[in-house]
Amino acid sequence: FVTNTSAQGNQVDNAFGYPVSNSQFFAATKSSAIANLVNNFPVSWLALGR
């Protein structure tokens, strides 16, 4: 699970994450102002698995 930790400016931004392997995942935020721009706003994450 990945979520934003702040308002991240005046645009609607999305936090996202996905698995890379069975022991690693990628988490970041994407700007809605500029299409497909991955930016560096802080996120909170929680990984569940075995």
PDB file of N, CA and C in Angstrom:
ATOM      1  N   PHE A   1       0.853  -1.170   0.000  1.00  0.00           N
ATOM      2  CA  PHE A   1       0.000   0.000   0.000  1.00  0.00           C
ATOM      3  C   PHE A   1       0.893   1.225   0.000  1.00  0.00           C
ATOM      4  N   VAL A   2       0.569   2.214  -0.837  1.00  0.00           N
ATOM      5  CA  VAL A   2       1.339   3.457  -0.901  1.00  0.00           C
ATOM      6  C   VAL A   2       0.359   4.623  -0.848  1.00  0.00           C
ATOM      7  N   THR A   3       0.669   5.634  -0.041  1.00  0.00           N
ATOM      8  CA  THR A   3      -0.197   6.799   0.079  1.00  0.00           C
ATOM      9  C   THR A   3       0.628   8.074   0.210  1.00  0.00           C
ATOM     10  N   ASN A   4       0.039   9.208  -0.140  1.00  0.00           N
ATOM     11  CA  ASN A   4       0.705  10.502   0.001  1.00  0.00           C
ATOM     12  C   ASN A   4       0.826  10.870   1.478  1.00  0.00           C
ATOM     13  N   THR A   5       1.873  11.611   1.837  1.00  0.00           N
ATOM     14  CA  THR A   5       2.039  12.065   3.219  1.00  0.00           C
ATOM     15  C   THR A   5       1.785  13.555   3.376  1.00  0.00           C
ATOM     16  N   SER A   6       1.567  14.271   2.277  1.00  0.00           N
ATOM     17  CA  SER A   6       1.328  15.713   2.352  1.00  0.00           C
ATOM     18  C   SER A   6       0.411  16.126   1.204  1.00  0.00           C
ATOM     19  N   ALA A   7       0.026  17.416   1.201  1.00  0.00           N
ATOM     20  CA  ALA A   7      -0.846  17.932   0.138  1.00  0.00           C
ATOM     21  C   ALA A   7      -0.138  17.976  -1.205  1.00  0.00           C
ATOM     22  N   GLN A   8       1.162  18.018  -1.234  1.00  0.00           N
ATOM     23  CA  GLN A   8       1.978  17.960  -2.447  1.00  0.00           C
ATOM     24  C   GLN A   8       1.653  19.077  -3.436  1.00  0.00           C
ATOM     25  N   GLY A   9       1.622  20.293  -2.961  1.00  0.00           N
ATOM     26  CA  GLY A   9       1.390  21.429  -3.848  1.00  0.00           C
ATOM     27  C   GLY A   9      -0.083  21.647  -4.115  1.00  0.00           C
ATOM     28  N   ASN A  10      -0.399  22.340  -5.217  1.00  0.00           N
ATOM     29  CA  ASN A  10      -1.791  22.691  -5.511  1.00  0.00           C
ATOM     30  C   ASN A  10      -2.411  21.809  -6.589  1.00  0.00           C
ATOM     31  N   GLN A  11      -1.737  20.763  -6.994  1.00  0.00           N
ATOM     32  CA  GLN A  11      -2.265  19.844  -8.000  1.00  0.00           C
ATOM     33  C   GLN A  11      -2.657  18.529  -7.337  1.00  0.00           C
ATOM     34  N   VAL A  12      -3.516  17.775  -7.983  1.00  0.00           N
ATOM     35  CA  VAL A  12      -3.879  16.444  -7.488  1.00  0.00           C
ATOM     36  C   VAL A  12      -2.777  15.482  -7.922  1.00  0.00           C
ATOM     37  N   ASP A  13      -2.128  14.881  -6.964  1.00  0.00           N
ATOM     38  CA  ASP A  13      -1.056  13.934  -7.252  1.00  0.00           C
ATOM     39  C   ASP A  13      -1.455  12.552  -6.753  1.00  0.00           C
ATOM     40  N   ASN A  14      -0.864  11.551  -7.335  1.00  0.00           N
ATOM     41  CA  ASN A  14      -1.179  10.173  -6.991  1.00  0.00           C
ATOM     42  C   ASN A  14       0.064   9.454  -6.502  1.00  0.00           C
ATOM     43  N   ALA A  15      -0.069   8.731  -5.410  1.00  0.00           N
ATOM     44  CA  ALA A  15       0.993   7.849  -4.955  1.00  0.00           C
ATOM     45  C   ALA A  15       0.719   6.456  -5.514  1.00  0.00           C
ATOM     46  N   PHE A  16       1.777   5.759  -5.876  1.00  0.00           N
ATOM     47  CA  PHE A  16       1.595   4.416  -6.437  1.00  0.00           C
ATOM     48  C   PHE A  16       2.791   3.546  -6.075  1.00  0.00           C
ATOM     49  N   GLY A  17       2.590   2.268  -6.139  1.00  0.00           N
ATOM     50  CA  GLY A  17       3.663   1.316  -5.904  1.00  0.00           C
ATOM     51  C   GLY A  17       3.375   0.018  -6.616  1.00  0.00           C
ATOM     52  N   TYR A  18       4.427  -0.706  -6.943  1.00  0.00           N
ATOM     53  CA  TYR A  18       4.256  -2.022  -7.562  1.00  0.00           C
ATOM     54  C   TYR A  18       5.457  -2.903  -7.241  1.00  0.00           C
ATOM     55  N   PRO A  19       5.255  -4.220  -7.208  1.00  0.00           N
ATOM     56  CA  PRO A  19       6.367  -5.122  -6.896  1.00  0.00           C
ATOM     57  C   PRO A  19       7.363  -5.207  -8.044  1.00  0.00           C
ATOM     58  N   VAL A  20       8.638  -5.258  -7.696  1.00  0.00           N
ATOM     59  CA  VAL A  20       9.703  -5.453  -8.676  1.00  0.00           C
ATOM     60  C   VAL A  20      10.176  -6.908  -8.630  1.00  0.00           C
ATOM     61  N   SER A  21      10.218  -7.453  -7.420  1.00  0.00           N
ATOM     62  CA  SER A  21      10.579  -8.855  -7.227  1.00  0.00           C
ATOM     63  C   SER A  21       9.889  -9.334  -5.949  1.00  0.00           C
ATOM     64  N   ASN A  22      10.240 -10.528  -5.479  1.00  0.00           N
ATOM     65  CA  ASN A  22       9.600 -11.021  -4.256  1.00  0.00           C
ATOM     66  C   ASN A  22      10.158 -10.357  -2.995  1.00  0.00           C
ATOM     67  N   SER A  23      11.181  -9.505  -3.127  1.00  0.00           N
ATOM     68  CA  SER A  23      11.743  -8.830  -1.958  1.00  0.00           C
ATOM     69  C   SER A  23      11.891  -7.313  -2.139  1.00  0.00           C
ATOM     70  N   GLN A  24      11.487  -6.760  -3.288  1.00  0.00           N
ATOM     71  CA  GLN A  24      11.627  -5.332  -3.547  1.00  0.00           C
ATOM     72  C   GLN A  24      10.384  -4.791  -4.237  1.00  0.00           C
ATOM     73  N   PHE A  25      10.100  -3.479  -4.002  1.00  0.00           N
ATOM     74  CA  PHE A  25       9.023  -2.824  -4.736  1.00  0.00           C
ATOM     75  C   PHE A  25       9.389  -1.375  -4.996  1.00  0.00           C
ATOM     76  N   PHE A  26       8.693  -0.761  -5.944  1.00  0.00           N
ATOM     77  CA  PHE A  26       8.910   0.619  -6.346  1.00  0.00           C
ATOM     78  C   PHE A  26       7.737   1.443  -5.845  1.00  0.00           C
ATOM     79  N   ALA A  27       8.011   2.586  -5.193  1.00  0.00           N
ATOM     80  CA  ALA A  27       6.957   3.481  -4.713  1.00  0.00           C
ATOM     81  C   ALA A  27       7.333   4.909  -5.068  1.00  0.00           C
ATOM     82  N   ALA A  28       6.368   5.691  -5.584  1.00  0.00           N
ATOM     83  CA  ALA A  28       6.637   7.064  -5.987  1.00  0.00           C
ATOM     84  C   ALA A  28       5.325   7.833  -6.079  1.00  0.00           C
ATOM     85  N   THR A  29       5.413   9.101  -6.475  1.00  0.00           N
ATOM     86  CA  THR A  29       4.234   9.923  -6.723  1.00  0.00           C
ATOM     87  C   THR A  29       4.259  10.413  -8.158  1.00  0.00           C
ATOM     88  N   LYS A  30       3.076  10.654  -8.716  1.00  0.00           N
ATOM     89  CA  LYS A  30       2.947  11.122 -10.094  1.00  0.00           C
ATOM     90  C   LYS A  30       2.147  12.412 -10.102  1.00  0.00           C
ATOM     91  N   SER A  31       2.635  13.390 -10.848  1.00  0.00           N
ATOM     92  CA  SER A  31       1.965  14.679 -10.957  1.00  0.00           C
ATOM     93  C   SER A  31       0.803  14.613 -11.933  1.00  0.00           C
ATOM     94  N   SER A  32      -0.307  15.264 -11.586  1.00  0.00           N
ATOM     95  CA  SER A  32      -1.421  15.360 -12.525  1.00  0.00           C
ATOM     96  C   SER A  32      -1.280  16.585 -13.416  1.00  0.00           C
ATOM     97  N   ALA A  33      -0.368  17.507 -13.059  1.00  0.00           N
ATOM     98  CA  ALA A  33      -0.175  18.718 -13.854  1.00  0.00           C
ATOM     99  C   ALA A  33       0.603  18.430 -15.137  1.00  0.00           C
ATOM    100  N   ILE A  34       1.557  17.529 -15.059  1.00  0.00           N
ATOM    101  CA  ILE A  34       2.382  17.155 -16.213  1.00  0.00           C
ATOM    102  C   ILE A  34       2.240  15.647 -16.386  1.00  0.00           C
ATOM    103  N   ALA A  35       1.754  15.230 -17.519  1.00  0.00           N
ATOM    104  CA  ALA A  35       1.459  13.811 -17.752  1.00  0.00           C
ATOM    105  C   ALA A  35       2.700  12.946 -17.561  1.00  0.00           C
ATOM    106  N   ASN A  36       2.532  11.874 -16.810  1.00  0.00           N
ATOM    107  CA  ASN A  36       3.567  10.858 -16.608  1.00  0.00           C
ATOM    108  C   ASN A  36       4.852  11.380 -15.977  1.00  0.00           C
ATOM    109  N   LEU A  37       4.770  12.453 -15.170  1.00  0.00           N
ATOM    110  CA  LEU A  37       5.943  12.961 -14.465  1.00  0.00           C
ATOM    111  C   LEU A  37       5.995  12.332 -13.085  1.00  0.00           C
ATOM    112  N   VAL A  38       6.974  11.493 -12.854  1.00  0.00           N
ATOM    113  CA  VAL A  38       7.186  10.920 -11.528  1.00  0.00           C
ATOM    114  C   VAL A  38       8.024  11.920 -10.755  1.00  0.00           C
ATOM    115  N   ASN A  39       7.517  12.336  -9.579  1.00  0.00           N
ATOM    116  CA  ASN A  39       8.226  13.353  -8.811  1.00  0.00           C
ATOM    117  C   ASN A  39       8.666  12.806  -7.462  1.00  0.00           C
ATOM    118  N   ASN A  40       9.198  13.680  -6.619  1.00  0.00           N
ATOM    119  CA  ASN A  40       9.837  13.214  -5.385  1.00  0.00           C
ATOM    120  C   ASN A  40       9.104  13.625  -4.111  1.00  0.00           C
ATOM    121  N   PHE A  41       7.791  13.699  -4.132  1.00  0.00           N
ATOM    122  CA  PHE A  41       7.056  13.972  -2.904  1.00  0.00           C
ATOM    123  C   PHE A  41       7.109  12.756  -1.981  1.00  0.00           C
ATOM    124  N   PRO A  42       7.054  12.988  -0.662  1.00  0.00           N
ATOM    125  CA  PRO A  42       7.150  11.856   0.272  1.00  0.00           C
ATOM    126  C   PRO A  42       5.905  10.975   0.260  1.00  0.00           C
ATOM    127  N   VAL A  43       6.120   9.690   0.490  1.00  0.00           N
ATOM    128  CA  VAL A  43       5.026   8.723   0.560  1.00  0.00           C
ATOM    129  C   VAL A  43       5.179   7.883   1.829  1.00  0.00           C
ATOM    130  N   SER A  44       4.094   7.277   2.238  1.00  0.00           N
ATOM    131  CA  SER A  44       4.106   6.247   3.273  1.00  0.00           C
ATOM    132  C   SER A  44       3.773   4.931   2.601  1.00  0.00           C
ATOM    133  N   TRP A  45       4.361   3.856   3.075  1.00  0.00           N
ATOM    134  CA  TRP A  45       4.110   2.572   2.438  1.00  0.00           C
ATOM    135  C   TRP A  45       4.011   1.462   3.471  1.00  0.00           C
ATOM    136  N   LEU A  46       3.347   0.403   3.084  1.00  0.00           N
ATOM    137  CA  LEU A  46       3.198  -0.803   3.892  1.00  0.00           C
ATOM    138  C   LEU A  46       3.203  -1.987   2.942  1.00  0.00           C
ATOM    139  N   ALA A  47       4.083  -2.916   3.173  1.00  0.00           N
ATOM    140  CA  ALA A  47       4.157  -4.109   2.328  1.00  0.00           C
ATOM    141  C   ALA A  47       3.755  -5.334   3.139  1.00  0.00           C
ATOM    142  N   LEU A  48       2.883  -6.134   2.583  1.00  0.00           N
ATOM    143  CA  LEU A  48       2.447  -7.381   3.204  1.00  0.00           C
ATOM    144  C   LEU A  48       2.830  -8.536   2.297  1.00  0.00           C
ATOM    145  N   GLY A  49       3.251  -9.600   2.855  1.00  0.00           N
ATOM    146  CA  GLY A  49       3.601 -10.746   2.030  1.00  0.00           C
ATOM    147  C   GLY A  49       4.187 -11.861   2.865  1.00  0.00           C
ATOM    148  N   ARG A  50       4.728 -12.804   2.165  1.00  0.00           N
ATOM    149  CA  ARG A  50       5.329 -13.920   2.892  1.00  0.00           C
ATOM    150  C   ARG A  50       6.746 -14.130   2.479  1.00  0.00           C
TER     151      ARG A  50
END
